[in-house]
Amino acid sequence: MKQFWVMYKKEWLEAFRNWKILWVPIVFMILGASQPLTVYYMDTILQTVGGLPEGTVFDIPLPEAEEILPAVQSQFNQIGLLILVLAFMGSTAGERQHGTHLMILSKPVSEANFILSKAAQAYSLSFMAYAGGIAAAVYYTVILFGSLEPVHVLKGASIYAVWLAFVISLLFFFSSFIKGYGGAAFLTLITALLVSLSASFLPERLIYSPGTLSAQSSSLYLTGSSSAGFLGALFFTLFLTAGLLTAACILFKKKKLA
């Protein structure tokens, strides 16, 4: 356990050095704030930059406050995931590519602690960034559209965080045996996209797929209630996340000299 905490602190120090601890949360906060602001001022934006005839009047009905957070989450599910994958794609693959992992593993550090400490730091920073993004979205939503139910927000955010953890675990799984930054990032994004799309197109057959968690989260934001298969999808995703990390540790140990 001491090895793990030493490596975990090292990862945080690295995040401070490369400013990752600042720019990742800032990007999420911008994404979170931009959606409610854009929706609220859409008519003004169109009148200003739309190039439409003078006197054109827009009457765009405003959505309910509860409808804003699912739209924000859609931004996180596209741009946010891309940002996280780009931020952490070099955590393992980069060290393997440059051979710096061999210097670390020459010390009394196990391969498991090497991978798990990096994954834990990636989880921590991702959750912190996501919390900042949701907080920004909630702040502007409440100001511009009305109140939100705090319990619904907490439920929805917690479930989406599990999906984020799954995607990050995918990244560390691919990084454990792929040296190139781009290859691990590409496979992670493609796999996450396929999981999401398959769950959308085959909801009845893939009711327990990790790809359903985003929709479950949106349902919790809107009504505070989940859809069918919620618990199965949640526990199956947690199981897969743990399995991917375990596989990453095993594969990294076999491939560390490659």
Foldseek 3Di string as FASTA:
>chain_A
DVLLVVLLVVLVVVCVVVVVLPPLLVVLQCLLQVQLVCQLCVQVVCVVPVPDDPPDHDDDDHDALLQRVLVSVVCCLPVVLLVLLLSLLCLQLVCLLVVVVVVVVVPPHALLSSLVSSLVNSLVSSLVSNVSNNVSNQVSSCVRHNHFDVLLSVVLSVLVSLLSLLLSLQLLLLSLAHNDSVVSSVVSVVVLVVQLVVCVVCVPVPVLGLNCSSVQSSVSSNPVDGDPSVVSNSVVSVVSSVVSSVNSSVSNVVRSVD
